[in-house]
Amino acid sequence: MSIPIRRVGRVLPHKSEETVAYQRLTQLDDIKKIADNMREEDMAEIKAQSGLKPLASLFYCFFKSSPCMTMISRHGHRMGMWGVVPESETSGRIWMLGCQSMLDDTKDKRTFLRQSKIELRKILKEYPVLFNVVDSRNEVHVRWLQWMGFTFIKKHSEYGPEKRPFYEFVRI
């Protein structure tokens, strides 16, 4: 059954009688659920970048970010979190950490991709400069960042406690 897109926005990108896929402000109970189901590549990136465990990293991001959002599948499962840690009045460190379920369901994946471009346009109004680093091994994130229009400005051959290669990226 094809689900028509009736309304695209912050809360409900599409809706049917049985299911809803959307994002909302993160709630504390989202953090443990997402940490327990995080993609292996995202866990490896956290460890390489900061040495933290997923739970600690998500708590840090939750308390430092404005906004901090949770992505929910059309079946009601948490798919991941994203946010922006403000660095100045006009710039922020954008981040996203996801669960494997984000990639497993084709309809949810399409909704995520469509919605991510919409949300990026909104966030750029608040933070005209967005930046961060990404583990070069995290191919899904690297491809997504390229698709979103971020520019890779530097390769750090030894970054973080594990001294792994990371790419620095920016969107202006």
Protein backbone atom coordinates (compact mmCIF):
# COMPACT_ATOMS: atom_id res chain seq x y z
CA MET A 1 0.00 0.00 0.00
CA SER A 2 1.43 3.36 -0.99
CA ILE A 3 1.23 6.07 1.66
CA PRO A 4 0.67 9.50 0.10
CA ILE A 5 2.58 12.42 1.49
CA ARG A 6 -0.11 14.75 2.76
CA ARG A 7 1.88 17.11 4.94
CA VAL A 8 5.59 17.59 5.27
CA GLY A 9 6.72 19.40 8.37
CA ARG A 10 8.51 19.12 11.66
CA VAL A 11 6.06 16.76 13.29
CA LEU A 12 4.27 14.57 10.71
CA PRO A 13 5.84 14.03 7.30
CA HIS A 14 3.33 11.31 6.39
CA LYS A 15 0.43 9.52 7.98
CA SER A 16 -1.86 6.56 7.42
CA GLU A 17 -4.54 4.94 9.55
CA GLU A 18 -2.09 2.49 11.18
CA THR A 19 1.28 4.22 11.25
CA VAL A 20 3.07 7.52 11.68
CA ALA A 21 6.71 8.41 10.95
CA TYR A 22 8.01 11.62 12.47
CA GLN A 23 10.45 13.26 14.79
CA ARG A 24 9.94 14.98 18.10
CA LEU A 25 11.94 16.61 20.86
CA THR A 26 14.03 13.98 22.62
CA GLN A 27 12.75 12.61 25.91
CA LEU A 28 15.04 11.12 28.54
CA ASP A 29 13.76 7.56 28.00
CA ASP A 30 14.75 7.79 24.30
CA ILE A 31 18.44 7.88 25.21
CA LYS A 32 18.76 4.36 26.63
CA LYS A 33 16.60 2.83 23.88
CA ILE A 34 18.74 4.39 21.17
CA ALA A 35 22.03 3.61 22.93
CA ASP A 36 20.99 -0.05 23.25
CA ASN A 37 20.11 -0.30 19.54
CA MET A 38 22.75 1.94 17.98
CA ARG A 39 24.44 1.01 14.70
CA GLU A 40 27.85 -0.63 15.17
CA GLU A 41 29.48 2.06 12.98
CA ASP A 42 28.02 4.84 15.13
CA MET A 43 29.25 3.16 18.32
CA ALA A 44 32.73 2.80 16.80
CA GLU A 45 32.68 6.48 15.77
CA ILE A 46 31.76 7.62 19.30
CA LYS A 47 34.53 5.49 20.82
CA ALA A 48 37.13 6.69 18.30
CA GLN A 49 36.16 10.35 18.61
CA SER A 50 35.65 10.71 22.35
CA GLY A 51 36.32 7.40 24.08
CA LEU A 52 32.77 7.51 25.47
CA LYS A 53 30.16 4.77 25.46
CA PRO A 54 26.95 5.38 23.46
CA LEU A 55 24.83 6.10 26.55
CA ALA A 56 27.23 8.74 27.90
CA SER A 57 27.59 10.31 24.47
CA LEU A 58 23.83 10.58 23.98
CA PHE A 59 23.35 12.10 27.44
CA TYR A 60 26.04 14.68 26.66
CA CYS A 61 24.38 15.51 23.33
CA PHE A 62 20.93 15.67 24.94
CA PHE A 63 21.99 18.23 27.55
CA LYS A 64 24.20 20.33 25.23
CA SER A 65 22.06 20.44 22.06
CA SER A 66 19.50 22.93 20.90
CA PRO A 67 17.49 21.30 19.45
CA CYS A 68 17.82 17.62 20.31
CA MET A 69 15.43 15.49 18.28
CA THR A 70 14.43 11.82 18.20
CA MET A 71 13.43 10.20 14.92
CA ILE A 72 10.51 7.78 15.17
CA SER A 73 9.67 5.09 12.59
CA ARG A 74 6.24 4.73 11.08
CA HIS A 75 5.84 1.72 13.41
CA GLY A 76 6.62 3.81 16.51
CA HIS A 77 10.23 2.65 17.06
CA ARG A 78 13.01 5.07 17.84
CA MET A 79 15.39 5.24 14.87
CA GLY A 80 17.98 7.69 16.16
CA MET A 81 18.72 11.12 17.54
CA TRP A 82 20.19 14.28 16.06
CA GLY A 83 20.86 17.79 17.21
CA VAL A 84 23.07 20.85 17.18
CA VAL A 85 25.44 21.85 19.97
CA PRO A 86 25.66 25.67 19.78
CA GLU A 87 29.23 26.92 19.43
CA SER A 88 28.44 30.63 18.89
CA GLU A 89 25.42 32.75 18.05
CA THR A 90 25.63 31.68 14.41
CA SER A 91 27.38 28.30 14.40
CA GLY A 92 26.76 24.84 15.75
CA ARG A 93 28.22 21.36 15.84
CA ILE A 94 25.63 19.17 14.11
CA TRP A 95 25.46 15.47 14.96
CA MET A 96 23.34 12.37 14.36
CA LEU A 97 23.46 8.86 15.81
CA GLY A 98 21.17 6.13 14.57
CA CYS A 99 19.86 2.63 15.04
CA GLN A 100 20.13 -0.07 12.38
CA SER A 101 16.35 0.14 11.93
CA MET A 102 16.93 3.50 10.23
CA LEU A 103 18.36 1.66 7.24
CA ASP A 104 16.26 -1.51 7.29
CA ASP A 105 12.81 -0.19 6.32
CA THR A 106 12.73 1.37 2.83
CA LYS A 107 9.73 3.62 3.56
CA ASP A 108 11.23 4.93 6.79
CA LYS A 109 14.56 5.46 5.04
CA ARG A 110 12.91 7.51 2.27
CA THR A 111 11.00 9.56 4.84
CA PHE A 112 14.21 10.17 6.78
CA LEU A 113 16.08 11.30 3.66
CA ARG A 114 13.28 13.62 2.55
CA GLN A 115 12.80 15.03 6.06
CA SER A 116 16.53 15.53 6.68
CA LYS A 117 16.77 18.05 3.81
CA ILE A 118 13.74 19.93 5.17
CA GLU A 119 15.16 20.01 8.70
CA LEU A 120 18.58 21.13 7.45
CA ARG A 121 17.00 24.17 5.76
CA LYS A 122 15.27 25.06 9.05
CA ILE A 123 18.41 24.57 11.14
CA LEU A 124 20.52 26.70 8.77
CA LYS A 125 18.20 29.65 9.56
CA GLU A 126 19.16 29.36 13.23
CA TYR A 127 22.77 28.24 12.68
CA PRO A 128 24.09 29.53 9.33
CA VAL A 129 27.34 27.61 9.92
CA LEU A 130 27.13 23.91 10.77
CA PHE A 131 30.19 21.71 11.21
CA ASN A 132 31.65 18.63 12.88
CA VAL A 133 33.84 15.61 12.15
CA VAL A 134 32.92 12.13 10.93
CA ASP A 135 34.82 8.86 11.22
CA SER A 136 36.10 8.01 7.74
CA ARG A 137 35.05 4.36 8.34
CA ASN A 138 31.39 5.37 8.77
CA GLU A 139 30.54 5.17 5.08
CA VAL A 140 26.79 5.63 5.57
CA HIS A 141 27.34 8.94 7.36
CA VAL A 142 29.95 10.12 4.86
CA ARG A 143 27.61 9.45 1.92
CA TRP A 144 24.66 11.08 3.72
CA LEU A 145 26.69 14.21 4.52
CA GLN A 146 27.74 14.50 0.87
CA TRP A 147 24.12 14.05 -0.25
CA MET A 148 23.06 16.77 2.24
CA GLY A 149 25.49 19.23 0.68
CA PHE A 150 28.15 19.36 3.39
CA THR A 151 31.71 20.06 2.27
CA PHE A 152 34.65 18.04 3.58
CA ILE A 153 37.34 20.59 4.37
CA LYS A 154 40.07 18.57 6.06
CA LYS A 155 41.14 15.01 6.70
CA HIS A 156 42.57 14.45 10.18
CA SER A 157 44.72 11.34 9.84
CA GLU A 158 44.91 10.85 13.63
CA TYR A 159 41.87 12.15 15.52
CA GLY A 160 40.52 11.34 18.98
CA PRO A 161 41.79 8.87 21.57
CA GLU A 162 42.06 6.05 19.01
CA LYS A 163 43.96 8.27 16.52
CA ARG A 164 41.67 7.24 13.65
CA PRO A 165 41.15 9.14 10.38
CA PHE A 166 38.26 11.61 10.55
CA TYR A 167 36.90 14.09 8.03
CA GLU A 168 36.05 17.62 9.10
CA PHE A 169 32.94 18.94 7.35
CA VAL A 170 30.99 22.20 7.11
CA ARG A 171 27.80 23.60 5.64
CA ILE A 172 27.37 27.36 5.21
